[in-house]
Amino acid sequence: MCRHIARIGPPLALGETLTAPPHGLLRQSWAPRRQRHGTVNADGFGVGWYADGDPVPARYRRAGPVWGDLSFADLVRVVRSGALLAAVRDATEPGADDEAAAAPFAAGPWLFSHNGAVPGWPGVLAPLARTLPTEELLGLAARCDAALLWALALRRLRAGEPPGRALADTVVRVAGAAPDARLNFLLTDGVSIAATTWGDSLWWLAAPDGGTVVASEPYDDDPHWREVPDRTLLVASRADVQLSSLKEPLP
């Protein structure tokens, strides 16, 4: 299903994280090493990043495979940032939303990605969708499960829940409605990272440059990569990574 990655730390060219490593996100788009579902991530891609002094991130997204986009190669070579979130997509179902369905999704200071799928979409999530105001449903970024999951998490963020709790509560509610769902979420506000494991792989690294990286899989063979157990919430700053078990789904 998708691969995603987030980094916070000293400013670097985006490509130092996404394309320079031997098994970086670019290579993971056609040759992931630890992907449990699907084989090729060619149904879109995106990267979001933060400029100094601006809390609202910029994004670059496209509907096609990342390896065919020459503009992406130029962009990640010259743009520098201390925080990014990027993803390559293997679509659950074909759709007509093009790059609108490609992560990262964004609102205010937040960037969000979903690695997984919700079997039975969209009917199985209809009860949760009805908890959203009509204007939020009509304003979904795309007609895909990830866009609705983002809307559910965003509602909690806007209500003031901390990022980790917002993701954890969303996972528990969705898993209760869709027990077979795979719900690996990744969120950043440019200062911290929150992520969940629920059915797919996740790793983190205290990088030698002083940054913290959280990713679907390691981008190199550094022995300091650490795997996050399934059904875990990760909350990371530049100096600290905390792991806690996710609750069982609500009935």
C-alpha atoms as a PDB file:
ATOM      1  CA  MET A   1       0.000   0.000   0.000  1.00  0.00           C
ATOM      2  CA  CYS A   2       2.105   3.253   0.035  1.00  0.00           C
ATOM      3  CA  ARG A   3       5.350   4.238   1.697  1.00  0.00           C
ATOM      4  CA  HIS A   4       5.805   7.421   3.674  1.00  0.00           C
ATOM      5  CA  ILE A   5       8.454   9.283   5.623  1.00  0.00           C
ATOM      6  CA  ALA A   6       8.792  12.347   7.861  1.00  0.00           C
ATOM      7  CA  ARG A   7      11.867  14.129   9.176  1.00  0.00           C
ATOM      8  CA  ILE A   8      12.520  16.979  11.608  1.00  0.00           C
ATOM      9  CA  GLY A   9      15.988  18.340  12.318  1.00  0.00           C
ATOM     10  CA  PRO A  10      18.626  20.706  10.973  1.00  0.00           C
ATOM     11  CA  PRO A  11      17.822  22.062   7.498  1.00  0.00           C
ATOM     12  CA  LEU A  12      18.823  19.780   4.632  1.00  0.00           C
ATOM     13  CA  ALA A  13      18.047  19.564   0.941  1.00  0.00           C
ATOM     14  CA  LEU A  14      14.924  17.419   0.610  1.00  0.00           C
ATOM     15  CA  GLY A  15      16.822  15.019  -1.595  1.00  0.00           C
ATOM     16  CA  GLU A  16      19.215  14.130   1.240  1.00  0.00           C
ATOM     17  CA  THR A  17      16.277  12.315   2.824  1.00  0.00           C
ATOM     18  CA  LEU A  18      14.196  11.274  -0.198  1.00  0.00           C
ATOM     19  CA  THR A  19      16.516  10.442  -3.102  1.00  0.00           C
ATOM     20  CA  ALA A  20      20.146  10.280  -1.958  1.00  0.00           C
ATOM     21  CA  PRO A  21      19.883   7.263   0.389  1.00  0.00           C
ATOM     22  CA  PRO A  22      20.316   3.909  -1.390  1.00  0.00           C
ATOM     23  CA  HIS A  23      16.833   2.765  -0.392  1.00  0.00           C
ATOM     24  CA  GLY A  24      15.169   6.170  -0.154  1.00  0.00           C
ATOM     25  CA  LEU A  25      11.553   6.961  -0.955  1.00  0.00           C
ATOM     26  CA  LEU A  26      12.351   7.278  -4.649  1.00  0.00           C
ATOM     27  CA  ARG A  27      13.585   3.682  -4.794  1.00  0.00           C
ATOM     28  CA  GLN A  28      10.764   2.516  -2.551  1.00  0.00           C
ATOM     29  CA  SER A  29       8.327   3.631  -5.215  1.00  0.00           C
ATOM     30  CA  TRP A  30       9.369   0.670  -7.395  1.00  0.00           C
ATOM     31  CA  ALA A  31      11.414  -1.587  -5.073  1.00  0.00           C
ATOM     32  CA  PRO A  32      10.255  -1.379  -1.449  1.00  0.00           C
ATOM     33  CA  ARG A  33      12.012  -3.847   0.832  1.00  0.00           C
ATOM     34  CA  ARG A  34       9.473  -4.187   3.648  1.00  0.00           C
ATOM     35  CA  GLN A  35       6.104  -3.452   2.069  1.00  0.00           C
ATOM     36  CA  ARG A  36       3.523  -6.021   3.195  1.00  0.00           C
ATOM     37  CA  HIS A  37       0.718  -5.124   0.786  1.00  0.00           C
ATOM     38  CA  GLY A  38       1.237  -4.294  -2.896  1.00  0.00           C
ATOM     39  CA  THR A  39       4.494  -4.171  -4.806  1.00  0.00           C
ATOM     40  CA  VAL A  40       4.792  -0.896  -6.762  1.00  0.00           C
ATOM     41  CA  ASN A  41       3.853   2.608  -5.597  1.00  0.00           C
ATOM     42  CA  ALA A  42       3.137   4.334  -8.886  1.00  0.00           C
ATOM     43  CA  ASP A  43      -0.279   5.936  -8.313  1.00  0.00           C
ATOM     44  CA  GLY A  44       0.927   9.347  -7.222  1.00  0.00           C
ATOM     45  CA  PHE A  45       3.352  10.965  -4.819  1.00  0.00           C
ATOM     46  CA  GLY A  46       3.857  14.096  -2.819  1.00  0.00           C
ATOM     47  CA  VAL A  47       6.186  15.993  -0.533  1.00  0.00           C
ATOM     48  CA  GLY A  48       5.419  18.772   1.919  1.00  0.00           C
ATOM     49  CA  TRP A  49       7.974  20.973   3.676  1.00  0.00           C
ATOM     50  CA  TYR A  50       8.309  24.080   5.833  1.00  0.00           C
ATOM     51  CA  ALA A  51      10.145  27.309   5.057  1.00  0.00           C
ATOM     52  CA  ASP A  52      11.872  29.265   7.811  1.00  0.00           C
ATOM     53  CA  GLY A  53       9.447  31.525   9.620  1.00  0.00           C
ATOM     54  CA  ASP A  54       6.343  30.145   7.899  1.00  0.00           C
ATOM     55  CA  PRO A  55       4.240  27.609   9.852  1.00  0.00           C
ATOM     56  CA  VAL A  56       2.124  26.699   6.816  1.00  0.00           C
ATOM     57  CA  PRO A  57       3.826  24.030   4.691  1.00  0.00           C
ATOM     58  CA  ALA A  58       4.269  24.004   0.933  1.00  0.00           C
ATOM     59  CA  ARG A  59       3.423  20.908  -1.101  1.00  0.00           C
ATOM     60  CA  TYR A  60       4.330  19.356  -4.437  1.00  0.00           C
ATOM     61  CA  ARG A  61       2.056  16.469  -5.545  1.00  0.00           C
ATOM     62  CA  ARG A  62       1.459  14.596  -8.775  1.00  0.00           C
ATOM     63  CA  ALA A  63      -0.748  11.720  -9.922  1.00  0.00           C
ATOM     64  CA  GLY A  64       1.920   9.671 -11.709  1.00  0.00           C
ATOM     65  CA  PRO A  65       4.998   7.758 -10.551  1.00  0.00           C
ATOM     66  CA  VAL A  66       7.688   9.803  -8.878  1.00  0.00           C
ATOM     67  CA  TRP A  67      10.465   8.272 -10.993  1.00  0.00           C
ATOM     68  CA  GLY A  68       8.994   9.883 -14.119  1.00  0.00           C
ATOM     69  CA  ASP A  69       8.846  13.435 -12.766  1.00  0.00           C
ATOM     70  CA  LEU A  70      11.964  15.422 -13.651  1.00  0.00           C
ATOM     71  CA  SER A  71      10.675  18.483 -11.805  1.00  0.00           C
ATOM     72  CA  PHE A  72      10.671  16.482  -8.572  1.00  0.00           C
ATOM     73  CA  ALA A  73      14.351  15.664  -9.020  1.00  0.00           C
ATOM     74  CA  ASP A  74      15.180  19.366  -9.431  1.00  0.00           C
ATOM     75  CA  LEU A  75      12.968  20.451  -6.545  1.00  0.00           C
ATOM     76  CA  VAL A  76      14.426  18.082  -3.942  1.00  0.00           C
ATOM     77  CA  ARG A  77      17.948  18.982  -5.054  1.00  0.00           C
ATOM     78  CA  VAL A  78      17.603  22.696  -4.286  1.00  0.00           C
ATOM     79  CA  VAL A  79      14.861  23.097  -1.646  1.00  0.00           C
ATOM     80  CA  ARG A  80      16.108  22.945   1.952  1.00  0.00           C
ATOM     81  CA  SER A  81      13.968  22.502   5.042  1.00  0.00           C
ATOM     82  CA  GLY A  82      14.159  21.390   8.645  1.00  0.00           C
ATOM     83  CA  ALA A  83      10.944  19.384   8.369  1.00  0.00           C
ATOM     84  CA  LEU A  84       9.239  17.350   5.661  1.00  0.00           C
ATOM     85  CA  LEU A  85       6.644  14.667   5.063  1.00  0.00           C
ATOM     86  CA  ALA A  86       6.549  12.706   1.806  1.00  0.00           C
ATOM     87  CA  ALA A  87       4.760   9.670   0.393  1.00  0.00           C
ATOM     88  CA  VAL A  88       4.472   7.462  -2.676  1.00  0.00           C
ATOM     89  CA  ARG A  89       1.066   5.904  -3.347  1.00  0.00           C
ATOM     90  CA  ASP A  90      -0.286   2.508  -4.294  1.00  0.00           C
ATOM     91  CA  ALA A  91      -4.008   3.249  -4.689  1.00  0.00           C
ATOM     92  CA  THR A  92      -6.498   0.900  -3.032  1.00  0.00           C
ATOM     93  CA  GLU A  93      -8.924   1.452  -5.912  1.00  0.00           C
ATOM     94  CA  PRO A  94      -8.614   3.370  -9.183  1.00  0.00           C
ATOM     95  CA  GLY A  95     -10.180   6.795  -8.972  1.00  0.00           C
ATOM     96  CA  ALA A  96     -10.582  10.117 -10.728  1.00  0.00           C
ATOM     97  CA  ASP A  97      -9.058  12.415  -8.136  1.00  0.00           C
ATOM     98  CA  ASP A  98      -5.523  12.400  -9.526  1.00  0.00           C
ATOM     99  CA  GLU A  99      -3.064  14.292  -7.339  1.00  0.00           C
ATOM    100  CA  ALA A 100      -5.814  15.360  -4.917  1.00  0.00           C
ATOM    101  CA  ALA A 101      -5.701  11.817  -3.504  1.00  0.00           C
ATOM    102  CA  ALA A 102      -1.912  11.835  -3.095  1.00  0.00           C
ATOM    103  CA  ALA A 103      -0.415  12.497   0.322  1.00  0.00           C
ATOM    104  CA  PRO A 104       0.483  14.597   2.077  1.00  0.00           C
ATOM    105  CA  PHE A 105      -2.907  16.070   2.893  1.00  0.00           C
ATOM    106  CA  ALA A 106      -2.655  19.466   4.539  1.00  0.00           C
ATOM    107  CA  ALA A 107      -4.538  21.900   6.749  1.00  0.00           C
ATOM    108  CA  GLY A 108      -3.072  24.793   8.710  1.00  0.00           C
ATOM    109  CA  PRO A 109       0.343  23.723  10.027  1.00  0.00           C
ATOM    110  CA  TRP A 110      -0.279  19.987   9.577  1.00  0.00           C
ATOM    111  CA  LEU A 111       0.789  17.471   6.968  1.00  0.00           C
ATOM    112  CA  PHE A 112      -0.778  13.983   7.022  1.00  0.00           C
ATOM    113  CA  SER A 113      -0.338  10.645   5.258  1.00  0.00           C
ATOM    114  CA  HIS A 114      -2.106   7.283   5.483  1.00  0.00           C
ATOM    115  CA  ASN A 115      -0.341   4.030   4.652  1.00  0.00           C
ATOM    116  CA  GLY A 116      -3.000   1.317   4.562  1.00  0.00           C
ATOM    117  CA  ALA A 117      -6.517   0.620   3.381  1.00  0.00           C
ATOM    118  CA  VAL A 118     -10.078   0.314   4.681  1.00  0.00           C
ATOM    119  CA  PRO A 119     -11.748  -2.820   3.244  1.00  0.00           C
ATOM    120  CA  GLY A 120     -15.420  -2.188   2.594  1.00  0.00           C
ATOM    121  CA  TRP A 121     -14.844   1.492   1.862  1.00  0.00           C
ATOM    122  CA  PRO A 122     -16.926   3.631   1.674  1.00  0.00           C
ATOM    123  CA  GLY A 123     -19.939   1.905   3.243  1.00  0.00           C
ATOM    124  CA  VAL A 124     -18.140   0.587   6.296  1.00  0.00           C
ATOM    125  CA  LEU A 125     -17.167   4.115   7.377  1.00  0.00           C
ATOM    126  CA  ALA A 126     -20.563   5.688   6.712  1.00  0.00           C
ATOM    127  CA  PRO A 127     -21.438   5.870  10.440  1.00  0.00           C
ATOM    128  CA  LEU A 128     -18.220   7.756  11.191  1.00  0.00           C
ATOM    129  CA  ALA A 129     -18.663   9.991   8.163  1.00  0.00           C
ATOM    130  CA  ARG A 130     -22.047  11.047   9.532  1.00  0.00           C
ATOM    131  CA  THR A 131     -20.321  12.439  12.631  1.00  0.00           C
ATOM    132  CA  LEU A 132     -18.720  15.136  10.475  1.00  0.00           C
ATOM    133  CA  PRO A 133     -20.570  18.359   9.623  1.00  0.00           C
ATOM    134  CA  THR A 134     -21.930  18.459   6.091  1.00  0.00           C
ATOM    135  CA  GLU A 135     -19.510  21.188   5.050  1.00  0.00           C
ATOM    136  CA  GLU A 136     -16.546  19.053   6.102  1.00  0.00           C
ATOM    137  CA  LEU A 137     -17.837  16.063   4.160  1.00  0.00           C
ATOM    138  CA  LEU A 138     -18.402  18.196   1.073  1.00  0.00           C
ATOM    139  CA  GLY A 139     -14.920  19.628   1.505  1.00  0.00           C
ATOM    140  CA  LEU A 140     -13.068  16.301   1.492  1.00  0.00           C
ATOM    141  CA  ALA A 141      -9.846  16.617  -0.463  1.00  0.00           C
ATOM    142  CA  ALA A 142     -10.537  13.458  -2.503  1.00  0.00           C
ATOM    143  CA  ARG A 143     -12.936  10.532  -2.815  1.00  0.00           C
ATOM    144  CA  CYS A 144     -10.724   8.010  -1.058  1.00  0.00           C
ATOM    145  CA  ASP A 145     -10.454   6.437   2.370  1.00  0.00           C
ATOM    146  CA  ALA A 146      -7.349   8.438   3.292  1.00  0.00           C
ATOM    147  CA  ALA A 147      -9.148  11.748   2.765  1.00  0.00           C
ATOM    148  CA  LEU A 148     -11.965  10.756   5.125  1.00  0.00           C
ATOM    149  CA  LEU A 149      -9.504   9.447   7.710  1.00  0.00           C
ATOM    150  CA  TRP A 150      -7.690  12.770   7.529  1.00  0.00           C
ATOM    151  CA  ALA A 151     -10.963  14.657   8.021  1.00  0.00           C
ATOM    152  CA  LEU A 152     -11.735  12.594  11.119  1.00  0.00           C
ATOM    153  CA  ALA A 153      -8.276  13.221  12.609  1.00  0.00           C
ATOM    154  CA  LEU A 154      -8.306  16.893  11.626  1.00  0.00           C
ATOM    155  CA  ARG A 155     -11.554  17.465  13.461  1.00  0.00           C
ATOM    156  CA  ARG A 156      -9.847  16.292  16.667  1.00  0.00           C
ATOM    157  CA  LEU A 157      -6.792  18.437  16.022  1.00  0.00           C
ATOM    158  CA  ARG A 158      -8.942  21.507  15.506  1.00  0.00           C
ATOM    159  CA  ALA A 159     -10.737  20.722  18.770  1.00  0.00           C
ATOM    160  CA  GLY A 160      -7.389  21.035  20.537  1.00  0.00           C
ATOM    161  CA  GLU A 161      -6.374  17.401  20.989  1.00  0.00           C
ATOM    162  CA  PRO A 162      -2.597  16.824  20.962  1.00  0.00           C
ATOM    163  CA  PRO A 163      -1.423  15.258  17.676  1.00  0.00           C
ATOM    164  CA  GLY A 164      -0.654  11.856  19.166  1.00  0.00           C
ATOM    165  CA  ARG A 165      -4.010  11.567  20.881  1.00  0.00           C
ATOM    166  CA  ALA A 166      -5.859  12.773  17.782  1.00  0.00           C
ATOM    167  CA  LEU A 167      -4.271  10.028  15.687  1.00  0.00           C
ATOM    168  CA  ALA A 168      -4.702   7.351  18.354  1.00  0.00           C
ATOM    169  CA  ASP A 169      -8.376   8.148  18.934  1.00  0.00           C
ATOM    170  CA  THR A 170      -9.042   8.150  15.198  1.00  0.00           C
ATOM    171  CA  VAL A 171      -7.366   4.773  14.744  1.00  0.00           C
ATOM    172  CA  VAL A 172      -9.371   3.218  17.564  1.00  0.00           C
ATOM    173  CA  ARG A 173     -12.683   4.536  16.229  1.00  0.00           C
ATOM    174  CA  VAL A 174     -11.982   3.494  12.650  1.00  0.00           C
ATOM    175  CA  ALA A 175     -10.708   0.050  13.657  1.00  0.00           C
ATOM    176  CA  GLY A 176     -13.910  -0.463  15.607  1.00  0.00           C
ATOM    177  CA  ALA A 177     -15.967   0.213  12.486  1.00  0.00           C
ATOM    178  CA  ALA A 178     -13.585  -1.611  10.108  1.00  0.00           C
ATOM    179  CA  PRO A 179     -11.699  -4.362  11.987  1.00  0.00           C
ATOM    180  CA  ASP A 180      -9.626  -5.358   8.946  1.00  0.00           C
ATOM    181  CA  ALA A 181      -8.439  -1.810   8.248  1.00  0.00           C
ATOM    182  CA  ARG A 182      -4.737  -1.032   8.046  1.00  0.00           C
ATOM    183  CA  LEU A 183      -4.139   2.330   9.670  1.00  0.00           C
ATOM    184  CA  ASN A 184      -0.565   3.553   9.643  1.00  0.00           C
ATOM    185  CA  PHE A 185      -0.868   7.325  10.016  1.00  0.00           C
ATOM    186  CA  LEU A 186       1.911   9.925   9.823  1.00  0.00           C
ATOM    187  CA  LEU A 187       1.507  13.556  10.917  1.00  0.00           C
ATOM    188  CA  THR A 188       3.782  16.536  11.416  1.00  0.00           C
ATOM    189  CA  ASP A 189       3.411  20.208  12.231  1.00  0.00           C
ATOM    190  CA  GLY A 190       7.035  20.959  11.343  1.00  0.00           C
ATOM    191  CA  VAL A 191       8.110  20.715  14.989  1.00  0.00           C
ATOM    192  CA  SER A 192       7.074  17.207  16.030  1.00  0.00           C
ATOM    193  CA  ILE A 193       6.016  13.940  14.391  1.00  0.00           C
ATOM    194  CA  ALA A 194       3.180  11.614  15.393  1.00  0.00           C
ATOM    195  CA  ALA A 195       2.612   8.222  13.797  1.00  0.00           C
ATOM    196  CA  THR A 196       0.691   4.993  14.299  1.00  0.00           C
ATOM    197  CA  THR A 197       1.306   1.384  13.367  1.00  0.00           C
ATOM    198  CA  TRP A 198      -1.785  -0.687  12.692  1.00  0.00           C
ATOM    199  CA  GLY A 199      -1.182  -3.395  10.122  1.00  0.00           C
ATOM    200  CA  ASP A 200       2.011  -2.261   8.357  1.00  0.00           C
ATOM    201  CA  SER A 201       5.651  -1.461   9.059  1.00  0.00           C
ATOM    202  CA  LEU A 202       7.129   1.646  10.681  1.00  0.00           C
ATOM    203  CA  TRP A 203      10.701   2.492  11.718  1.00  0.00           C
ATOM    204  CA  TRP A 204      12.470   5.447  13.317  1.00  0.00           C
ATOM    205  CA  LEU A 205      16.029   6.721  13.337  1.00  0.00           C
ATOM    206  CA  ALA A 206      17.969   9.220  15.425  1.00  0.00           C
ATOM    207  CA  ALA A 207      19.998  10.398  12.432  1.00  0.00           C
ATOM    208  CA  PRO A 208      23.702  11.294  12.683  1.00  0.00           C
ATOM    209  CA  ASP A 209      22.916  14.860  11.583  1.00  0.00           C
ATOM    210  CA  GLY A 210      20.771  15.419  14.686  1.00  0.00           C
ATOM    211  CA  GLY A 211      17.434  14.877  12.994  1.00  0.00           C
ATOM    212  CA  THR A 212      14.685  12.363  13.744  1.00  0.00           C
ATOM    213  CA  VAL A 213      13.301  10.283  10.876  1.00  0.00           C
ATOM    214  CA  VAL A 214      10.113   8.205  10.940  1.00  0.00           C
ATOM    215  CA  ALA A 215       9.460   6.031   7.905  1.00  0.00           C
ATOM    216  CA  SER A 216       7.603   3.012   6.586  1.00  0.00           C
ATOM    217  CA  GLU A 217      10.967   1.331   6.156  1.00  0.00           C
ATOM    218  CA  PRO A 218      14.671   2.194   6.553  1.00  0.00           C
ATOM    219  CA  TYR A 219      16.216   4.152   3.698  1.00  0.00           C
ATOM    220  CA  ASP A 220      19.660   2.640   4.326  1.00  0.00           C
ATOM    221  CA  ASP A 221      21.328  -0.099   6.361  1.00  0.00           C
ATOM    222  CA  ASP A 222      22.277   2.039   9.360  1.00  0.00           C
ATOM    223  CA  PRO A 223      22.089  -0.348  12.357  1.00  0.00           C
ATOM    224  CA  HIS A 224      20.508   2.370  14.489  1.00  0.00           C
ATOM    225  CA  TRP A 225      17.111   2.104  12.790  1.00  0.00           C
ATOM    226  CA  ARG A 226      14.489   0.840  15.243  1.00  0.00           C
ATOM    227  CA  GLU A 227      11.285  -0.956  14.267  1.00  0.00           C
ATOM    228  CA  VAL A 228       8.048   0.196  15.892  1.00  0.00           C
ATOM    229  CA  PRO A 229       5.823  -2.654  17.118  1.00  0.00           C
ATOM    230  CA  ASP A 230       2.369  -3.071  15.601  1.00  0.00           C
ATOM    231  CA  ARG A 231      -0.496  -1.215  17.274  1.00  0.00           C
ATOM    232  CA  THR A 232       1.766   1.493  18.644  1.00  0.00           C
ATOM    233  CA  LEU A 233       1.623   5.277  18.802  1.00  0.00           C
ATOM    234  CA  LEU A 234       4.911   7.115  18.193  1.00  0.00           C
ATOM    235  CA  VAL A 235       5.425  10.763  19.155  1.00  0.00           C
ATOM    236  CA  ALA A 236       8.791  12.302  18.279  1.00  0.00           C
ATOM    237  CA  SER A 237      10.601  15.583  18.715  1.00  0.00           C
ATOM    238  CA  ARG A 238      14.127  16.380  17.580  1.00  0.00           C
ATOM    239  CA  ALA A 239      15.447  15.151  20.920  1.00  0.00           C
ATOM    240  CA  ASP A 240      13.067  12.395  22.005  1.00  0.00           C
ATOM    241  CA  VAL A 241      10.922   9.517  20.718  1.00  0.00           C
ATOM    242  CA  GLN A 242       8.124   8.082  22.833  1.00  0.00           C
ATOM    243  CA  LEU A 243       6.194   4.875  22.100  1.00  0.00           C
ATOM    244  CA  SER A 244       2.917   3.787  23.680  1.00  0.00           C
ATOM    245  CA  SER A 245       0.478   0.967  22.964  1.00  0.00           C
ATOM    246  CA  LEU A 246      -2.732   1.796  21.147  1.00  0.00           C
ATOM    247  CA  LYS A 247      -6.011   0.830  22.762  1.00  0.00           C
ATOM    248  CA  GLU A 248      -8.242  -1.937  21.469  1.00  0.00           C
ATOM    249  CA  PRO A 249     -10.956  -0.826  19.028  1.00  0.00           C
ATOM    250  CA  LEU A 250     -14.122   0.603  20.483  1.00  0.00           C
ATOM    251  CA  PRO A 251     -17.211  -1.633  20.163  1.00  0.00           C
END
